[in-house]
Amino acid sequence: MVVLEQVLDKYGEKGEKTSWTFVKIDSSIAESLKPNTKKSFRVKGHIDDLELKQVALIPIGEGDFILPVNAIIRRKIRKDVGDKVLLKLTEDTSDFELSTDFLACLEDDPTANAFYKTLTPGHQRYFSKWIESAKTIETKTKRISRSLFGLSKQMDYGAMIRHFKGQK
């Protein structure tokens, strides 16, 4: 396990990472977590007192990585850009846990399920992560419904999100 204190930082104009809040993980630290890796991998542990599971470290070049820290996590740890956080990390080799509620609903919709199974595991996870990030059962239900609709129309995650953009 790696233990380190880092400062939350934020990208300005940085392509797809514009406005991301993150913690930089130097190459030596990444190397101790997962030797000889230059691509994204998952970690688990803690940021301050908040447990992290299946969070991706994303490569940024020269062997360095970033740990994105989204608004939900920042609210829970009550920290923002410029604040120090205590990280305790280790590689997470567990299988990704897909939303059991979503999978159960997919079983009842053969058309959506058939298209879902054609998606790569990474694209399948987009749906599951979005659904599981809902804060209320009503929001989770709406997200499952929208996902099933999109999948039954052969929409990937991005197309489904764009389809419902602006709708409540």
C-alpha atoms as a PDB file:
ATOM      1  CA  MET A   1       0.000   0.000   0.000  1.00  0.00           C
ATOM      2  CA  VAL A   2       1.196   3.470  -0.900  1.00  0.00           C
ATOM      3  CA  VAL A   3       0.521   6.313   1.538  1.00  0.00           C
ATOM      4  CA  LEU A   4       1.076   9.893   0.414  1.00  0.00           C
ATOM      5  CA  GLU A   5      -0.201  13.408   0.893  1.00  0.00           C
ATOM      6  CA  GLN A   6      -0.977  15.357  -2.277  1.00  0.00           C
ATOM      7  CA  VAL A   7      -2.669  18.627  -3.247  1.00  0.00           C
ATOM      8  CA  LEU A   8      -5.878  18.657  -5.285  1.00  0.00           C
ATOM      9  CA  ASP A   9      -5.181  20.322  -8.628  1.00  0.00           C
ATOM     10  CA  LYS A  10      -7.348  21.304 -11.590  1.00  0.00           C
ATOM     11  CA  TYR A  11      -6.718  21.392 -15.318  1.00  0.00           C
ATOM     12  CA  GLY A  12      -7.445  24.554 -17.270  1.00  0.00           C
ATOM     13  CA  GLU A  13      -7.728  24.017 -21.030  1.00  0.00           C
ATOM     14  CA  LYS A  14      -6.536  20.424 -21.450  1.00  0.00           C
ATOM     15  CA  GLY A  15      -8.600  18.791 -24.196  1.00  0.00           C
ATOM     16  CA  GLU A  16     -10.964  16.161 -22.836  1.00  0.00           C
ATOM     17  CA  LYS A  17      -9.631  16.723 -19.307  1.00  0.00           C
ATOM     18  CA  THR A  18     -10.572  20.435 -19.245  1.00  0.00           C
ATOM     19  CA  SER A  19     -11.693  21.442 -15.729  1.00  0.00           C
ATOM     20  CA  TRP A  20     -10.963  18.036 -14.203  1.00  0.00           C
ATOM     21  CA  THR A  21      -9.951  18.074 -10.537  1.00  0.00           C
ATOM     22  CA  PHE A  22      -7.296  15.488  -9.772  1.00  0.00           C
ATOM     23  CA  VAL A  23      -4.372  14.326  -7.700  1.00  0.00           C
ATOM     24  CA  LYS A  24      -1.125  13.740  -9.584  1.00  0.00           C
ATOM     25  CA  ILE A  25       0.518  10.369  -9.012  1.00  0.00           C
ATOM     26  CA  ASP A  26       4.221  10.463  -9.920  1.00  0.00           C
ATOM     27  CA  SER A  27       5.717   7.684 -12.007  1.00  0.00           C
ATOM     28  CA  SER A  28       7.678   6.231  -9.072  1.00  0.00           C
ATOM     29  CA  ILE A  29       4.483   5.863  -7.042  1.00  0.00           C
ATOM     30  CA  ALA A  30       2.545   4.408  -9.984  1.00  0.00           C
ATOM     31  CA  GLU A  31       5.419   1.983 -10.552  1.00  0.00           C
ATOM     32  CA  SER A  32       5.149   0.736  -6.964  1.00  0.00           C
ATOM     33  CA  LEU A  33       1.376   0.265  -7.376  1.00  0.00           C
ATOM     34  CA  LYS A  34       1.572  -1.581 -10.706  1.00  0.00           C
ATOM     35  CA  PRO A  35       5.061  -2.123 -12.148  1.00  0.00           C
ATOM     36  CA  ASN A  36       5.742  -1.612 -15.864  1.00  0.00           C
ATOM     37  CA  THR A  37       2.314  -0.148 -16.607  1.00  0.00           C
ATOM     38  CA  LYS A  38       1.766   2.812 -18.902  1.00  0.00           C
ATOM     39  CA  LYS A  39      -2.003   2.427 -19.303  1.00  0.00           C
ATOM     40  CA  SER A  40      -4.942   3.114 -17.011  1.00  0.00           C
ATOM     41  CA  PHE A  41      -5.502   0.768 -14.070  1.00  0.00           C
ATOM     42  CA  ARG A  42      -7.813   0.638 -11.046  1.00  0.00           C
ATOM     43  CA  VAL A  43      -6.899   1.308  -7.443  1.00  0.00           C
ATOM     44  CA  LYS A  44      -8.638   1.000  -4.096  1.00  0.00           C
ATOM     45  CA  GLY A  45      -7.978   2.475  -0.689  1.00  0.00           C
ATOM     46  CA  HIS A  46      -8.823   5.820   0.888  1.00  0.00           C
ATOM     47  CA  ILE A  47      -8.746   9.521   0.134  1.00  0.00           C
ATOM     48  CA  ASP A  48      -8.753  11.066   3.588  1.00  0.00           C
ATOM     49  CA  ASP A  49     -11.343   8.915   5.406  1.00  0.00           C
ATOM     50  CA  LEU A  50     -13.434   8.101   2.313  1.00  0.00           C
ATOM     51  CA  GLU A  51     -13.114   4.571   0.950  1.00  0.00           C
ATOM     52  CA  LEU A  52     -12.309   4.270  -2.753  1.00  0.00           C
ATOM     53  CA  LYS A  53     -12.974   1.177  -4.856  1.00  0.00           C
ATOM     54  CA  GLN A  54     -12.401   0.562  -8.546  1.00  0.00           C
ATOM     55  CA  VAL A  55     -11.147   4.081  -9.244  1.00  0.00           C
ATOM     56  CA  ALA A  56      -8.991   4.482 -12.345  1.00  0.00           C
ATOM     57  CA  LEU A  57      -5.546   6.031 -12.427  1.00  0.00           C
ATOM     58  CA  ILE A  58      -5.198   7.686 -15.833  1.00  0.00           C
ATOM     59  CA  PRO A  59      -1.833   8.067 -17.586  1.00  0.00           C
ATOM     60  CA  ILE A  60      -0.737  11.606 -18.506  1.00  0.00           C
ATOM     61  CA  GLY A  61       2.689  10.867 -19.992  1.00  0.00           C
ATOM     62  CA  GLU A  62       6.265  10.381 -18.788  1.00  0.00           C
ATOM     63  CA  GLY A  63       4.983   7.535 -16.576  1.00  0.00           C
ATOM     64  CA  ASP A  64       2.892   9.892 -14.430  1.00  0.00           C
ATOM     65  CA  PHE A  65      -0.816   9.348 -13.725  1.00  0.00           C
ATOM     66  CA  ILE A  66      -3.735  11.293 -12.312  1.00  0.00           C
ATOM     67  CA  LEU A  67      -6.452  10.200  -9.923  1.00  0.00           C
ATOM     68  CA  PRO A  68      -9.590  12.142 -10.919  1.00  0.00           C
ATOM     69  CA  VAL A  69     -11.475  13.494  -7.898  1.00  0.00           C
ATOM     70  CA  ASN A  70     -15.040  14.300  -8.937  1.00  0.00           C
ATOM     71  CA  ALA A  71     -17.431  16.702  -7.205  1.00  0.00           C
ATOM     72  CA  ILE A  72     -19.163  13.890  -5.297  1.00  0.00           C
ATOM     73  CA  ILE A  73     -15.889  12.792  -3.715  1.00  0.00           C
ATOM     74  CA  ARG A  74     -14.822  16.394  -3.024  1.00  0.00           C
ATOM     75  CA  ARG A  75     -18.110  17.076  -1.222  1.00  0.00           C
ATOM     76  CA  LYS A  76     -17.785  13.939   0.868  1.00  0.00           C
ATOM     77  CA  ILE A  77     -14.244  14.769   1.975  1.00  0.00           C
ATOM     78  CA  ARG A  78     -15.019  18.515   2.174  1.00  0.00           C
ATOM     79  CA  LYS A  79     -11.994  19.487   0.100  1.00  0.00           C
ATOM     80  CA  ASP A  80     -11.410  21.531  -3.041  1.00  0.00           C
ATOM     81  CA  VAL A  81      -8.600  22.612  -5.361  1.00  0.00           C
ATOM     82  CA  GLY A  82      -5.505  23.596  -3.383  1.00  0.00           C
ATOM     83  CA  ASP A  83      -6.371  21.448  -0.348  1.00  0.00           C
ATOM     84  CA  LYS A  84      -4.167  18.553   0.725  1.00  0.00           C
ATOM     85  CA  VAL A  85      -5.556  15.028   0.810  1.00  0.00           C
ATOM     86  CA  LEU A  86      -4.149  11.865   2.346  1.00  0.00           C
ATOM     87  CA  LEU A  87      -4.122   8.933  -0.069  1.00  0.00           C
ATOM     88  CA  LYS A  88      -3.758   5.276   0.882  1.00  0.00           C
ATOM     89  CA  LEU A  89      -3.796   3.276  -2.352  1.00  0.00           C
ATOM     90  CA  THR A  90      -3.211  -0.209  -3.634  1.00  0.00           C
ATOM     91  CA  GLU A  91      -3.975  -1.821  -6.989  1.00  0.00           C
ATOM     92  CA  ASP A  92      -7.570  -3.052  -7.272  1.00  0.00           C
ATOM     93  CA  THR A  93      -7.566  -6.362  -9.112  1.00  0.00           C
ATOM     94  CA  SER A  94     -11.197  -7.232  -8.351  1.00  0.00           C
ATOM     95  CA  ASP A  95     -13.686  -7.599 -11.181  1.00  0.00           C
ATOM     96  CA  PHE A  96     -15.823  -4.533 -11.853  1.00  0.00           C
ATOM     97  CA  GLU A  97     -19.168  -4.771 -10.073  1.00  0.00           C
ATOM     98  CA  LEU A  98     -21.968  -3.980 -12.504  1.00  0.00           C
ATOM     99  CA  SER A  99     -25.253  -2.611 -11.183  1.00  0.00           C
ATOM    100  CA  THR A 100     -27.323  -5.624 -10.118  1.00  0.00           C
ATOM    101  CA  ASP A 101     -30.569  -3.644 -10.489  1.00  0.00           C
ATOM    102  CA  PHE A 102     -29.643  -2.683 -14.042  1.00  0.00           C
ATOM    103  CA  LEU A 103     -28.623  -6.233 -14.960  1.00  0.00           C
ATOM    104  CA  ALA A 104     -31.942  -7.564 -13.609  1.00  0.00           C
ATOM    105  CA  CYS A 105     -33.863  -5.065 -15.733  1.00  0.00           C
ATOM    106  CA  LEU A 106     -31.785  -5.939 -18.796  1.00  0.00           C
ATOM    107  CA  GLU A 107     -32.871  -9.564 -18.408  1.00  0.00           C
ATOM    108  CA  ASP A 108     -36.485  -8.401 -18.876  1.00  0.00           C
ATOM    109  CA  ASP A 109     -35.655  -6.528 -22.113  1.00  0.00           C
ATOM    110  CA  PRO A 110     -34.147  -8.948 -24.666  1.00  0.00           C
ATOM    111  CA  THR A 111     -33.608  -6.258 -27.331  1.00  0.00           C
ATOM    112  CA  ALA A 112     -31.710  -3.930 -24.989  1.00  0.00           C
ATOM    113  CA  ASN A 113     -29.820  -6.856 -23.468  1.00  0.00           C
ATOM    114  CA  ALA A 114     -28.723  -8.180 -26.864  1.00  0.00           C
ATOM    115  CA  PHE A 115     -27.270  -4.797 -27.867  1.00  0.00           C
ATOM    116  CA  TYR A 116     -25.714  -4.278 -24.413  1.00  0.00           C
ATOM    117  CA  LYS A 117     -23.828  -7.557 -24.793  1.00  0.00           C
ATOM    118  CA  THR A 118     -22.253  -6.300 -28.056  1.00  0.00           C
ATOM    119  CA  LEU A 119     -20.640  -3.375 -26.203  1.00  0.00           C
ATOM    120  CA  THR A 120     -17.107  -3.618 -24.848  1.00  0.00           C
ATOM    121  CA  PRO A 121     -16.816  -4.112 -21.078  1.00  0.00           C
ATOM    122  CA  GLY A 122     -15.634  -0.518 -20.723  1.00  0.00           C
ATOM    123  CA  HIS A 123     -18.703   0.805 -22.509  1.00  0.00           C
ATOM    124  CA  GLN A 124     -20.950  -1.450 -20.438  1.00  0.00           C
ATOM    125  CA  ARG A 125     -19.425   0.080 -17.305  1.00  0.00           C
ATOM    126  CA  TYR A 126     -20.416   3.616 -18.430  1.00  0.00           C
ATOM    127  CA  PHE A 127     -24.071   2.684 -18.024  1.00  0.00           C
ATOM    128  CA  SER A 128     -23.531   0.927 -14.705  1.00  0.00           C
ATOM    129  CA  LYS A 129     -21.451   3.745 -13.178  1.00  0.00           C
ATOM    130  CA  TRP A 130     -23.993   6.369 -14.247  1.00  0.00           C
ATOM    131  CA  ILE A 131     -26.876   4.384 -12.792  1.00  0.00           C
ATOM    132  CA  GLU A 132     -25.100   3.623  -9.515  1.00  0.00           C
ATOM    133  CA  SER A 133     -24.045   7.269  -9.039  1.00  0.00           C
ATOM    134  CA  ALA A 134     -27.707   8.291  -8.616  1.00  0.00           C
ATOM    135  CA  LYS A 135     -28.417   9.725  -5.187  1.00  0.00           C
ATOM    136  CA  THR A 136     -32.103   8.779  -4.987  1.00  0.00           C
ATOM    137  CA  ILE A 137     -34.098   5.717  -5.979  1.00  0.00           C
ATOM    138  CA  GLU A 138     -36.196   7.914  -8.288  1.00  0.00           C
ATOM    139  CA  THR A 139     -33.108   9.086 -10.181  1.00  0.00           C
ATOM    140  CA  LYS A 140     -31.737   5.551 -10.342  1.00  0.00           C
ATOM    141  CA  THR A 141     -35.049   4.286 -11.728  1.00  0.00           C
ATOM    142  CA  LYS A 142     -35.116   7.033 -14.361  1.00  0.00           C
ATOM    143  CA  ARG A 143     -31.545   6.266 -15.388  1.00  0.00           C
ATOM    144  CA  ILE A 144     -32.272   2.546 -15.735  1.00  0.00           C
ATOM    145  CA  SER A 145     -35.330   3.367 -17.845  1.00  0.00           C
ATOM    146  CA  ARG A 146     -33.358   5.721 -20.098  1.00  0.00           C
ATOM    147  CA  SER A 147     -30.555   3.195 -20.438  1.00  0.00           C
ATOM    148  CA  LEU A 148     -32.970   0.454 -21.470  1.00  0.00           C
ATOM    149  CA  PHE A 149     -34.621   2.783 -23.997  1.00  0.00           C
ATOM    150  CA  GLY A 150     -31.267   3.806 -25.467  1.00  0.00           C
ATOM    151  CA  LEU A 151     -29.949   0.273 -25.655  1.00  0.00           C
ATOM    152  CA  SER A 152     -33.162  -0.980 -27.278  1.00  0.00           C
ATOM    153  CA  LYS A 153     -32.591   1.712 -29.952  1.00  0.00           C
ATOM    154  CA  GLN A 154     -28.948   0.546 -30.329  1.00  0.00           C
ATOM    155  CA  MET A 155     -27.509   3.689 -28.738  1.00  0.00           C
ATOM    156  CA  ASP A 156     -24.210   3.549 -26.910  1.00  0.00           C
ATOM    157  CA  TYR A 157     -23.843   5.513 -23.669  1.00  0.00           C
ATOM    158  CA  GLY A 158     -22.838   8.785 -25.348  1.00  0.00           C
ATOM    159  CA  ALA A 159     -25.667   8.656 -27.889  1.00  0.00           C
ATOM    160  CA  MET A 160     -28.183   7.887 -25.133  1.00  0.00           C
ATOM    161  CA  ILE A 161     -26.971  10.814 -23.002  1.00  0.00           C
ATOM    162  CA  ARG A 162     -27.177  13.173 -26.005  1.00  0.00           C
ATOM    163  CA  HIS A 163     -30.675  11.888 -26.817  1.00  0.00           C
ATOM    164  CA  PHE A 164     -31.975  12.807 -23.350  1.00  0.00           C
ATOM    165  CA  LYS A 165     -29.937  16.008 -22.965  1.00  0.00           C
ATOM    166  CA  GLY A 166     -32.125  18.837 -21.705  1.00  0.00           C
ATOM    167  CA  GLN A 167     -34.930  16.538 -20.562  1.00  0.00           C
ATOM    168  CA  LYS A 168     -35.751  16.219 -16.873  1.00  0.00           C
END
